[in-house]
PDB file of N, CA and C in Angstrom:
ATOM      1  N   UNK A   1     -12.016  -7.033  -1.249  1.00  0.00           N
ATOM      2  CA  UNK A   1     -11.840  -8.149  -1.709  1.00  0.00           C
ATOM      3  C   UNK A   1     -11.563  -8.335  -3.464  1.00  0.00           C
ATOM      4  N   UNK A   2     -10.863  -9.053  -3.822  1.00  0.00           N
ATOM      5  CA  UNK A   2     -10.819  -8.930  -5.306  1.00  0.00           C
ATOM      6  C   UNK A   2     -10.950 -10.327  -5.660  1.00  0.00           C
ATOM      7  N   UNK A   3     -11.117 -10.634  -6.911  1.00  0.00           N
ATOM      8  CA  UNK A   3     -11.446 -12.148  -7.400  1.00  0.00           C
ATOM      9  C   UNK A   3     -10.073 -11.940  -8.542  1.00  0.00           C
ATOM     10  N   UNK A   4      -9.511 -13.230  -8.815  1.00  0.00           N
ATOM     11  CA  UNK A   4      -8.166 -13.615  -9.684  1.00  0.00           C
ATOM     12  C   UNK A   4      -9.121 -14.387 -10.556  1.00  0.00           C
ATOM     13  N   UNK A   5      -9.091 -14.164 -11.942  1.00  0.00           N
ATOM     14  CA  UNK A   5      -9.624 -14.723 -12.786  1.00  0.00           C
ATOM     15  C   UNK A   5      -8.337 -15.703 -13.515  1.00  0.00           C
ATOM     16  N   UNK A   6      -8.271 -17.098 -13.558  1.00  0.00           N
ATOM     17  CA  UNK A   6      -7.211 -17.690 -13.804  1.00  0.00           C
ATOM     18  C   UNK A   6      -7.060 -18.439 -15.226  1.00  0.00           C
ATOM     19  N   UNK A   7      -6.262 -17.956 -16.031  1.00  0.00           N
ATOM     20  CA  UNK A   7      -6.146 -18.465 -17.796  1.00  0.00           C
ATOM     21  C   UNK A   7      -4.653 -19.240 -17.887  1.00  0.00           C
ATOM     22  N   UNK A   8      -4.700 -20.082 -18.947  1.00  0.00           N
ATOM     23  CA  UNK A   8      -3.734 -21.083 -19.050  1.00  0.00           C
ATOM     24  C   UNK A   8      -2.556 -20.258 -19.696  1.00  0.00           C
ATOM     25  N   UNK A   9      -2.897 -19.164 -20.242  1.00  0.00           N
ATOM     26  CA  UNK A   9      -1.476 -18.416 -20.450  1.00  0.00           C
ATOM     27  C   UNK A   9      -1.638 -16.909 -20.354  1.00  0.00           C
ATOM     28  N   UNK A  10      -0.228 -15.993 -20.704  1.00  0.00           N
ATOM     29  CA  UNK A  10      -0.197 -14.827 -20.672  1.00  0.00           C
ATOM     30  C   UNK A  10      -0.987 -14.052 -21.563  1.00  0.00           C
ATOM     31  N   UNK A  11      -1.110 -14.872 -22.801  1.00  0.00           N
ATOM     32  CA  UNK A  11      -1.657 -14.382 -24.084  1.00  0.00           C
ATOM     33  C   UNK A  11      -3.306 -13.971 -23.687  1.00  0.00           C
ATOM     34  N   UNK A  12      -3.854 -15.425 -23.100  1.00  0.00           N
ATOM     35  CA  UNK A  12      -5.298 -15.414 -22.901  1.00  0.00           C
ATOM     36  C   UNK A  12      -5.811 -14.524 -21.766  1.00  0.00           C
ATOM     37  N   UNK A  13      -4.616 -14.341 -20.925  1.00  0.00           N
ATOM     38  CA  UNK A  13      -4.955 -13.410 -19.725  1.00  0.00           C
ATOM     39  C   UNK A  13      -4.938 -12.120 -20.096  1.00  0.00           C
ATOM     40  N   UNK A  14      -4.198 -11.826 -21.325  1.00  0.00           N
ATOM     41  CA  UNK A  14      -4.137 -10.555 -21.796  1.00  0.00           C
ATOM     42  C   UNK A  14      -5.359  -9.895 -22.680  1.00  0.00           C
ATOM     43  N   UNK A  15      -5.629 -10.901 -23.431  1.00  0.00           N
ATOM     44  CA  UNK A  15      -7.173 -10.701 -24.279  1.00  0.00           C
ATOM     45  C   UNK A  15      -8.127 -10.601 -23.299  1.00  0.00           C
ATOM     46  N   UNK A  16      -8.574 -11.140 -21.960  1.00  0.00           N
ATOM     47  CA  UNK A  16      -9.308 -10.995 -20.934  1.00  0.00           C
ATOM     48  C   UNK A  16      -9.392  -9.711 -20.742  1.00  0.00           C
ATOM     49  N   UNK A  17      -8.132  -9.148 -20.118  1.00  0.00           N
ATOM     50  CA  UNK A  17      -7.717  -7.752 -19.735  1.00  0.00           C
ATOM     51  C   UNK A  17      -8.293  -6.928 -20.707  1.00  0.00           C
ATOM     52  N   UNK A  18      -8.277  -7.004 -22.304  1.00  0.00           N
ATOM     53  CA  UNK A  18      -8.763  -6.088 -23.154  1.00  0.00           C
ATOM     54  C   UNK A  18     -10.253  -6.011 -23.237  1.00  0.00           C
ATOM     55  N   UNK A  19     -10.743  -7.527 -23.195  1.00  0.00           N
ATOM     56  CA  UNK A  19     -12.322  -7.489 -23.426  1.00  0.00           C
ATOM     57  C   UNK A  19     -13.055  -6.651 -22.241  1.00  0.00           C
ATOM     58  N   UNK A  20     -12.293  -7.031 -20.785  1.00  0.00           N
ATOM     59  CA  UNK A  20     -12.754  -6.535 -19.544  1.00  0.00           C
ATOM     60  C   UNK A  20     -12.891  -4.935 -19.645  1.00  0.00           C
ATOM     61  N   UNK A  21     -11.877  -4.573 -20.178  1.00  0.00           N
ATOM     62  CA  UNK A  21     -11.333  -3.077 -20.266  1.00  0.00           C
ATOM     63  C   UNK A  21     -12.545  -2.216 -21.326  1.00  0.00           C
ATOM     64  N   UNK A  22     -12.539  -2.901 -22.501  1.00  0.00           N
ATOM     65  CA  UNK A  22     -13.921  -2.322 -23.610  1.00  0.00           C
ATOM     66  C   UNK A  22     -15.169  -2.494 -23.023  1.00  0.00           C
ATOM     67  N   UNK A  23     -15.393  -3.310 -21.991  1.00  0.00           N
ATOM     68  CA  UNK A  23     -16.531  -3.176 -21.080  1.00  0.00           C
ATOM     69  C   UNK A  23     -16.669  -2.383 -20.342  1.00  0.00           C
ATOM     70  N   UNK A  24     -15.633  -1.463 -19.641  1.00  0.00           N
ATOM     71  CA  UNK A  24     -15.777  -0.630 -18.732  1.00  0.00           C
ATOM     72  C   UNK A  24     -15.641  -1.386 -17.452  1.00  0.00           C
ATOM     73  N   UNK A  25     -14.683  -2.294 -17.256  1.00  0.00           N
ATOM     74  CA  UNK A  25     -13.990  -3.068 -16.003  1.00  0.00           C
ATOM     75  C   UNK A  25     -12.504  -3.216 -16.014  1.00  0.00           C
ATOM     76  N   UNK A  26     -12.019  -2.368 -15.168  1.00  0.00           N
ATOM     77  CA  UNK A  26     -10.499  -2.486 -15.047  1.00  0.00           C
ATOM     78  C   UNK A  26     -10.095  -3.899 -14.497  1.00  0.00           C
ATOM     79  N   UNK A  27      -8.951  -4.438 -14.921  1.00  0.00           N
ATOM     80  CA  UNK A  27      -8.189  -5.305 -14.319  1.00  0.00           C
ATOM     81  C   UNK A  27      -6.955  -5.441 -14.866  1.00  0.00           C
ATOM     82  N   UNK A  28      -5.851  -6.313 -13.547  1.00  0.00           N
ATOM     83  CA  UNK A  28      -4.552  -6.454 -13.849  1.00  0.00           C
ATOM     84  C   UNK A  28      -4.259  -7.527 -14.238  1.00  0.00           C
ATOM     85  N   UNK A  29      -3.233  -7.851 -14.836  1.00  0.00           N
ATOM     86  CA  UNK A  29      -2.644  -8.997 -15.462  1.00  0.00           C
ATOM     87  C   UNK A  29      -1.423  -9.238 -14.288  1.00  0.00           C
ATOM     88  N   UNK A  30      -1.750 -10.629 -14.031  1.00  0.00           N
ATOM     89  CA  UNK A  30      -0.073 -10.660 -13.054  1.00  0.00           C
ATOM     90  C   UNK A  30      -0.076 -12.563 -13.211  1.00  0.00           C
ATOM     91  N   UNK A  31       0.847 -13.091 -12.962  1.00  0.00           N
ATOM     92  CA  UNK A  31       1.094 -14.126 -12.402  1.00  0.00           C
ATOM     93  C   UNK A  31      -0.253 -15.263 -11.011  1.00  0.00           C
ATOM     94  N   UNK A  32      -0.321 -16.014 -11.555  1.00  0.00           N
ATOM     95  CA  UNK A  32      -0.901 -16.603 -10.151  1.00  0.00           C
ATOM     96  C   UNK A  32      -0.412 -16.931  -9.019  1.00  0.00           C
ATOM     97  N   UNK A  33      -0.453 -16.584  -8.115  1.00  0.00           N
ATOM     98  CA  UNK A  33       0.473 -16.892  -6.850  1.00  0.00           C
ATOM     99  C   UNK A  33       0.700 -18.445  -6.758  1.00  0.00           C
ATOM    100  N   UNK A  34       1.628 -18.767  -6.790  1.00  0.00           N
ATOM    101  CA  UNK A  34       2.551 -20.207  -6.306  1.00  0.00           C
ATOM    102  C   UNK A  34       1.410 -20.887  -5.526  1.00  0.00           C
ATOM    103  N   UNK A  35       0.849 -20.468  -4.449  1.00  0.00           N
ATOM    104  CA  UNK A  35       0.140 -21.347  -3.545  1.00  0.00           C
ATOM    105  C   UNK A  35      -1.291 -22.163  -4.253  1.00  0.00           C
ATOM    106  N   UNK A  36      -1.647 -20.988  -5.285  1.00  0.00           N
ATOM    107  CA  UNK A  36      -2.835 -21.794  -6.058  1.00  0.00           C
ATOM    108  C   UNK A  36      -2.484 -22.287  -7.236  1.00  0.00           C
ATOM    109  N   UNK A  37      -1.484 -21.782  -7.915  1.00  0.00           N
ATOM    110  CA  UNK A  37      -1.016 -21.873  -9.074  1.00  0.00           C
ATOM    111  C   UNK A  37      -1.261 -24.044  -9.345  1.00  0.00           C
ATOM    112  N   UNK A  38      -1.957 -23.849 -10.187  1.00  0.00           N
ATOM    113  CA  UNK A  38      -2.140 -25.567 -10.637  1.00  0.00           C
ATOM    114  C   UNK A  38      -1.748 -26.373 -11.584  1.00  0.00           C
ATOM    115  N   UNK A  39      -0.919 -25.281 -12.655  1.00  0.00           N
ATOM    116  CA  UNK A  39      -0.093 -25.372 -13.594  1.00  0.00           C
ATOM    117  C   UNK A  39       1.057 -24.076 -13.742  1.00  0.00           C
ATOM    118  N   UNK A  40       2.070 -24.715 -14.036  1.00  0.00           N
ATOM    119  CA  UNK A  40       3.816 -24.159 -14.075  1.00  0.00           C
ATOM    120  C   UNK A  40       3.465 -22.772 -14.506  1.00  0.00           C
ATOM    121  N   UNK A  41       2.744 -22.405 -15.614  1.00  0.00           N
ATOM    122  CA  UNK A  41       2.760 -20.928 -16.053  1.00  0.00           C
ATOM    123  C   UNK A  41       1.593 -20.324 -16.088  1.00  0.00           C
ATOM    124  N   UNK A  42       0.802 -20.342 -15.235  1.00  0.00           N
ATOM    125  CA  UNK A  42      -0.690 -19.851 -15.292  1.00  0.00           C
ATOM    126  C   UNK A  42      -0.598 -18.026 -14.971  1.00  0.00           C
ATOM    127  N   UNK A  43      -1.511 -17.422 -15.597  1.00  0.00           N
ATOM    128  CA  UNK A  43      -1.716 -15.925 -15.311  1.00  0.00           C
ATOM    129  C   UNK A  43      -2.888 -15.603 -15.122  1.00  0.00           C
ATOM    130  N   UNK A  44      -3.300 -14.657 -14.387  1.00  0.00           N
ATOM    131  CA  UNK A  44      -4.696 -14.125 -14.126  1.00  0.00           C
ATOM    132  C   UNK A  44      -5.157 -13.036 -14.198  1.00  0.00           C
ATOM    133  N   UNK A  45      -6.409 -12.365 -14.181  1.00  0.00           N
ATOM    134  CA  UNK A  45      -6.849 -11.287 -14.287  1.00  0.00           C
ATOM    135  C   UNK A  45      -7.450 -10.691 -13.044  1.00  0.00           C
ATOM    136  N   UNK A  46      -6.922  -9.831 -12.005  1.00  0.00           N
ATOM    137  CA  UNK A  46      -7.576  -9.086 -10.852  1.00  0.00           C
ATOM    138  C   UNK A  46      -8.513  -8.259 -11.312  1.00  0.00           C
ATOM    139  N   UNK A  47      -9.669  -8.671 -10.778  1.00  0.00           N
ATOM    140  CA  UNK A  47     -10.719  -7.708 -10.760  1.00  0.00           C
ATOM    141  C   UNK A  47     -11.675  -7.274  -9.306  1.00  0.00           C
ATOM    142  N   UNK A  48     -12.185  -6.109  -9.069  1.00  0.00           N
ATOM    143  CA  UNK A  48     -12.928  -5.690  -7.859  1.00  0.00           C
ATOM    144  C   UNK A  48     -13.945  -6.918  -7.748  1.00  0.00           C
ATOM    145  N   UNK A  49     -14.301  -7.236  -6.575  1.00  0.00           N
ATOM    146  CA  UNK A  49     -15.651  -8.365  -6.395  1.00  0.00           C
ATOM    147  C   UNK A  49     -16.570  -7.449  -6.483  1.00  0.00           C
ATOM    148  N   UNK A  50     -17.151  -6.509  -6.689  1.00  0.00           N
ATOM    149  CA  UNK A  50     -18.219  -5.897  -7.031  1.00  0.00           C
ATOM    150  C   UNK A  50     -18.585  -6.495  -8.524  1.00  0.00           C
ATOM    151  N   UNK A  51     -17.366  -6.153  -9.029  1.00  0.00           N
ATOM    152  CA  UNK A  51     -17.659  -6.411 -10.835  1.00  0.00           C
ATOM    153  C   UNK A  51     -17.828  -8.046 -11.124  1.00  0.00           C
ATOM    154  N   UNK A  52     -17.555  -9.065 -10.147  1.00  0.00           N
ATOM    155  CA  UNK A  52     -17.123 -10.519 -10.742  1.00  0.00           C
ATOM    156  C   UNK A  52     -18.367 -11.006 -11.941  1.00  0.00           C
ATOM    157  N   UNK A  53     -19.553 -10.735 -11.490  1.00  0.00           N
ATOM    158  CA  UNK A  53     -20.772 -11.514 -12.033  1.00  0.00           C
ATOM    159  C   UNK A  53     -20.705 -10.867 -13.925  1.00  0.00           C
ATOM    160  N   UNK A  54     -20.708  -9.272 -13.712  1.00  0.00           N
ATOM    161  CA  UNK A  54     -20.247  -8.608 -14.896  1.00  0.00           C
ATOM    162  C   UNK A  54     -19.275  -9.307 -15.926  1.00  0.00           C
ATOM    163  N   UNK A  55     -18.050  -9.200 -15.265  1.00  0.00           N
ATOM    164  CA  UNK A  55     -16.807  -9.814 -15.662  1.00  0.00           C
ATOM    165  C   UNK A  55     -17.060 -11.218 -16.346  1.00  0.00           C
ATOM    166  N   UNK A  56     -17.512 -12.356 -15.782  1.00  0.00           N
ATOM    167  CA  UNK A  56     -18.085 -13.522 -16.178  1.00  0.00           C
ATOM    168  C   UNK A  56     -18.901 -13.309 -17.071  1.00  0.00           C
ATOM    169  N   UNK A  57     -19.838 -12.792 -17.355  1.00  0.00           N
ATOM    170  CA  UNK A  57     -20.961 -12.591 -18.081  1.00  0.00           C
ATOM    171  C   UNK A  57     -19.990 -11.826 -19.417  1.00  0.00           C
ATOM    172  N   UNK A  58     -19.320 -11.159 -19.357  1.00  0.00           N
ATOM    173  CA  UNK A  58     -18.840 -10.443 -20.514  1.00  0.00           C
ATOM    174  C   UNK A  58     -17.994 -11.043 -21.059  1.00  0.00           C
ATOM    175  N   UNK A  59     -16.758 -12.407 -20.406  1.00  0.00           N
ATOM    176  CA  UNK A  59     -16.260 -12.983 -20.532  1.00  0.00           C
ATOM    177  C   UNK A  59     -16.457 -14.355 -21.439  1.00  0.00           C
ATOM    178  N   UNK A  60     -17.747 -14.751 -20.883  1.00  0.00           N
ATOM    179  CA  UNK A  60     -18.323 -16.192 -21.697  1.00  0.00           C
ATOM    180  C   UNK A  60     -18.648 -15.443 -22.651  1.00  0.00           C
ATOM    181  N   UNK A  61     -19.771 -14.225 -22.982  1.00  0.00           N
ATOM    182  CA  UNK A  61     -20.083 -13.367 -24.255  1.00  0.00           C
ATOM    183  C   UNK A  61     -18.948 -13.632 -25.445  1.00  0.00           C
ATOM    184  N   UNK A  62     -17.719 -13.385 -25.103  1.00  0.00           N
ATOM    185  CA  UNK A  62     -16.742 -13.206 -25.957  1.00  0.00           C
ATOM    186  C   UNK A  62     -15.934 -14.722 -26.063  1.00  0.00           C
ATOM    187  N   UNK A  63     -16.590 -15.694 -25.639  1.00  0.00           N
ATOM    188  CA  UNK A  63     -16.025 -17.048 -25.585  1.00  0.00           C
ATOM    189  C   UNK A  63     -14.640 -17.358 -25.014  1.00  0.00           C
ATOM    190  N   UNK A  64     -14.595 -16.495 -24.054  1.00  0.00           N
ATOM    191  CA  UNK A  64     -12.935 -16.849 -23.276  1.00  0.00           C
ATOM    192  C   UNK A  64     -13.484 -16.716 -21.853  1.00  0.00           C
ATOM    193  N   UNK A  65     -13.896 -17.875 -21.406  1.00  0.00           N
ATOM    194  CA  UNK A  65     -13.905 -17.821 -20.013  1.00  0.00           C
ATOM    195  C   UNK A  65     -12.904 -18.343 -19.091  1.00  0.00           C
ATOM    196  N   UNK A  66     -12.661 -17.827 -17.670  1.00  0.00           N
ATOM    197  CA  UNK A  66     -11.387 -18.396 -17.062  1.00  0.00           C
ATOM    198  C   UNK A  66     -11.531 -19.919 -16.640  1.00  0.00           C
ATOM    199  N   UNK A  67     -10.227 -20.293 -16.460  1.00  0.00           N
ATOM    200  CA  UNK A  67     -10.253 -21.808 -15.899  1.00  0.00           C
ATOM    201  C   UNK A  67     -10.607 -21.780 -14.382  1.00  0.00           C
ATOM    202  N   UNK A  68     -10.336 -20.960 -13.496  1.00  0.00           N
ATOM    203  CA  UNK A  68     -10.787 -20.505 -12.444  1.00  0.00           C
ATOM    204  C   UNK A  68     -10.584 -19.505 -11.839  1.00  0.00           C
ATOM    205  N   UNK A  69     -11.826 -19.345 -10.873  1.00  0.00           N
ATOM    206  CA  UNK A  69     -12.125 -18.040 -10.331  1.00  0.00           C
ATOM    207  C   UNK A  69     -11.813 -18.218  -8.730  1.00  0.00           C
ATOM    208  N   UNK A  70     -10.959 -17.291  -8.180  1.00  0.00           N
ATOM    209  CA  UNK A  70     -10.304 -17.489  -6.974  1.00  0.00           C
ATOM    210  C   UNK A  70     -10.700 -15.885  -5.961  1.00  0.00           C
ATOM    211  N   UNK A  71     -11.012 -16.014  -4.875  1.00  0.00           N
ATOM    212  CA  UNK A  71     -11.514 -14.725  -4.007  1.00  0.00           C
ATOM    213  C   UNK A  71     -10.163 -14.726  -3.046  1.00  0.00           C
ATOM    214  N   UNK A  72      -9.689 -13.327  -3.635  1.00  0.00           N
ATOM    215  CA  UNK A  72      -8.599 -12.919  -2.318  1.00  0.00           C
ATOM    216  C   UNK A  72      -9.146 -12.143  -1.561  1.00  0.00           C
ATOM    217  N   UNK A  73      -8.945 -12.924  -0.492  1.00  0.00           N
ATOM    218  CA  UNK A  73      -9.659 -11.960   0.881  1.00  0.00           C
ATOM    219  C   UNK A  73      -8.947 -10.890   1.486  1.00  0.00           C
ATOM    220  N   UNK A  74      -9.405  -9.651   2.163  1.00  0.00           N
ATOM    221  CA  UNK A  74      -8.544  -8.752   2.755  1.00  0.00           C
ATOM    222  C   UNK A  74      -7.153  -9.335   3.472  1.00  0.00           C
ATOM    223  N   UNK A  75      -6.926 -10.141   3.952  1.00  0.00           N
ATOM    224  CA  UNK A  75      -6.035 -10.437   4.874  1.00  0.00           C
ATOM    225  C   UNK A  75      -5.066 -11.177   3.583  1.00  0.00           C
ATOM    226  N   UNK A  76      -5.428 -11.487   2.083  1.00  0.00           N
ATOM    227  CA  UNK A  76      -4.260 -11.936   1.146  1.00  0.00           C
ATOM    228  C   UNK A  76      -4.510 -13.317   1.147  1.00  0.00           C
ATOM    229  N   UNK A  77      -5.162 -14.411   1.779  1.00  0.00           N
ATOM    230  CA  UNK A  77      -5.562 -15.835   1.742  1.00  0.00           C
ATOM    231  C   UNK A  77      -6.430 -15.809   0.215  1.00  0.00           C
ATOM    232  N   UNK A  78      -6.321 -16.602   0.099  1.00  0.00           N
ATOM    233  CA  UNK A  78      -7.110 -17.286  -1.386  1.00  0.00           C
ATOM    234  C   UNK A  78      -7.846 -18.433  -1.411  1.00  0.00           C
ATOM    235  N   UNK A  79      -9.361 -18.452  -1.622  1.00  0.00           N
ATOM    236  CA  UNK A  79      -9.993 -19.344  -1.823  1.00  0.00           C
ATOM    237  C   UNK A  79     -10.647 -19.753  -3.080  1.00  0.00           C
ATOM    238  N   UNK A  80     -10.623 -21.070  -3.486  1.00  0.00           N
ATOM    239  CA  UNK A  80     -11.376 -21.345  -4.751  1.00  0.00           C
ATOM    240  C   UNK A  80     -12.705 -20.803  -4.508  1.00  0.00           C
ATOM    241  N   UNK A  81     -13.448 -20.138  -5.204  1.00  0.00           N
ATOM    242  CA  UNK A  81     -14.716 -19.544  -5.449  1.00  0.00           C
ATOM    243  C   UNK A  81     -15.563 -20.399  -6.477  1.00  0.00           C
ATOM    244  N   UNK A  82     -14.866 -20.436  -7.539  1.00  0.00           N
ATOM    245  CA  UNK A  82     -15.841 -21.376  -8.606  1.00  0.00           C
ATOM    246  C   UNK A  82     -14.631 -22.459  -9.593  1.00  0.00           C
ATOM    247  N   UNK A  83     -14.979 -23.509  -9.461  1.00  0.00           N
ATOM    248  CA  UNK A  83     -14.174 -24.598 -10.416  1.00  0.00           C
ATOM    249  C   UNK A  83     -14.774 -24.519 -11.807  1.00  0.00           C
ATOM    250  N   UNK A  84     -14.298 -23.707 -12.781  1.00  0.00           N
ATOM    251  CA  UNK A  84     -14.753 -23.800 -14.049  1.00  0.00           C
ATOM    252  C   UNK A  84     -14.558 -24.879 -15.082  1.00  0.00           C
ATOM    253  N   UNK A  85     -13.269 -25.734 -14.667  1.00  0.00           N
ATOM    254  CA  UNK A  85     -12.612 -26.556 -15.751  1.00  0.00           C
ATOM    255  C   UNK A  85     -13.130 -27.748 -16.041  1.00  0.00           C
TER     256      UNK A  85
END
Protein backbone atom coordinates (compact mmCIF):
# COMPACT_ATOMS: atom_id res chain seq x y z
CA UNK A 1 0.00 0.00 0.00
CA UNK A 2 1.03 3.56 -0.69
CA UNK A 3 -0.19 7.00 0.24
CA UNK A 4 -0.71 9.87 -2.16
CA UNK A 5 -0.11 13.27 -0.61
CA UNK A 6 -1.92 15.79 -2.83
CA UNK A 7 -0.83 19.36 -3.51
CA UNK A 8 -2.39 22.18 -5.49
CA UNK A 9 0.45 22.48 -7.98
CA UNK A 10 3.47 20.75 -9.43
CA UNK A 11 5.75 23.25 -7.66
CA UNK A 12 4.36 22.37 -4.22
CA UNK A 13 4.59 18.64 -4.94
CA UNK A 14 8.22 19.02 -6.05
CA UNK A 15 9.04 21.00 -2.91
CA UNK A 16 7.45 18.29 -0.78
CA UNK A 17 9.44 15.61 -2.60
CA UNK A 18 12.71 17.47 -1.91
CA UNK A 19 11.83 18.02 1.77
CA UNK A 20 11.02 14.34 2.20
CA UNK A 21 14.18 13.31 0.36
CA UNK A 22 16.30 15.41 2.75
CA UNK A 23 14.51 13.62 5.63
CA UNK A 24 15.46 10.24 4.15
CA UNK A 25 12.03 9.31 2.75
CA UNK A 26 11.67 8.45 -0.94
CA UNK A 27 8.69 9.88 -2.81
CA UNK A 28 7.57 10.14 -6.42
CA UNK A 29 5.77 13.11 -7.97
CA UNK A 30 2.88 12.47 -10.37
CA UNK A 31 -0.52 13.80 -11.29
CA UNK A 32 -3.40 12.89 -9.03
CA UNK A 33 -5.49 10.14 -10.68
CA UNK A 34 -8.57 11.61 -12.39
CA UNK A 35 -10.93 9.63 -10.17
CA UNK A 36 -9.51 11.36 -7.09
CA UNK A 37 -8.82 14.84 -8.45
CA UNK A 38 -10.83 17.60 -6.83
CA UNK A 39 -9.14 20.21 -9.03
CA UNK A 40 -8.09 20.10 -12.63
CA UNK A 41 -4.34 20.33 -12.08
CA UNK A 42 -3.47 18.59 -8.83
CA UNK A 43 -0.24 16.73 -8.24
CA UNK A 44 0.80 14.27 -5.58
CA UNK A 45 3.79 12.68 -3.94
CA UNK A 46 3.49 8.92 -3.52
CA UNK A 47 5.15 7.44 -0.43
CA UNK A 48 5.25 3.99 1.15
CA UNK A 49 2.56 3.40 3.78
CA UNK A 50 5.15 2.66 6.46
CA UNK A 51 6.46 6.26 6.18
CA UNK A 52 3.18 8.19 6.31
CA UNK A 53 3.39 9.45 9.90
CA UNK A 54 6.96 10.64 9.45
CA UNK A 55 6.12 12.28 6.11
CA UNK A 56 3.24 14.25 7.57
CA UNK A 57 5.35 15.37 10.54
CA UNK A 58 8.26 16.46 8.33
CA UNK A 59 6.03 18.33 5.90
CA UNK A 60 4.08 20.11 8.66
CA UNK A 61 7.34 21.17 10.31
CA UNK A 62 8.41 22.64 6.96
CA UNK A 63 5.09 24.50 6.62
CA UNK A 64 3.98 22.45 3.62
CA UNK A 65 1.02 20.27 4.53
CA UNK A 66 -0.73 18.30 1.78
CA UNK A 67 -4.30 19.16 0.82
CA UNK A 68 -5.44 15.53 1.07
CA UNK A 69 -3.99 12.16 1.96
CA UNK A 70 -5.23 9.24 -0.12
CA UNK A 71 -4.57 5.58 0.51
CA UNK A 72 -3.85 3.50 -2.60
CA UNK A 73 -4.68 -0.10 -1.82
CA UNK A 74 -2.93 -3.10 -3.37
CA UNK A 75 -5.83 -3.49 -5.86
CA UNK A 76 -5.28 0.09 -7.09
CA UNK A 77 -8.38 1.56 -5.48
CA UNK A 78 -8.11 4.91 -3.73
CA UNK A 79 -9.60 5.88 -0.41
CA UNK A 80 -9.54 9.27 1.30
CA UNK A 81 -7.61 8.60 4.49
CA UNK A 82 -7.44 12.14 5.82
CA UNK A 83 -8.95 15.38 4.57
CA UNK A 84 -6.60 18.18 5.54
CA UNK A 85 -8.29 21.10 3.79
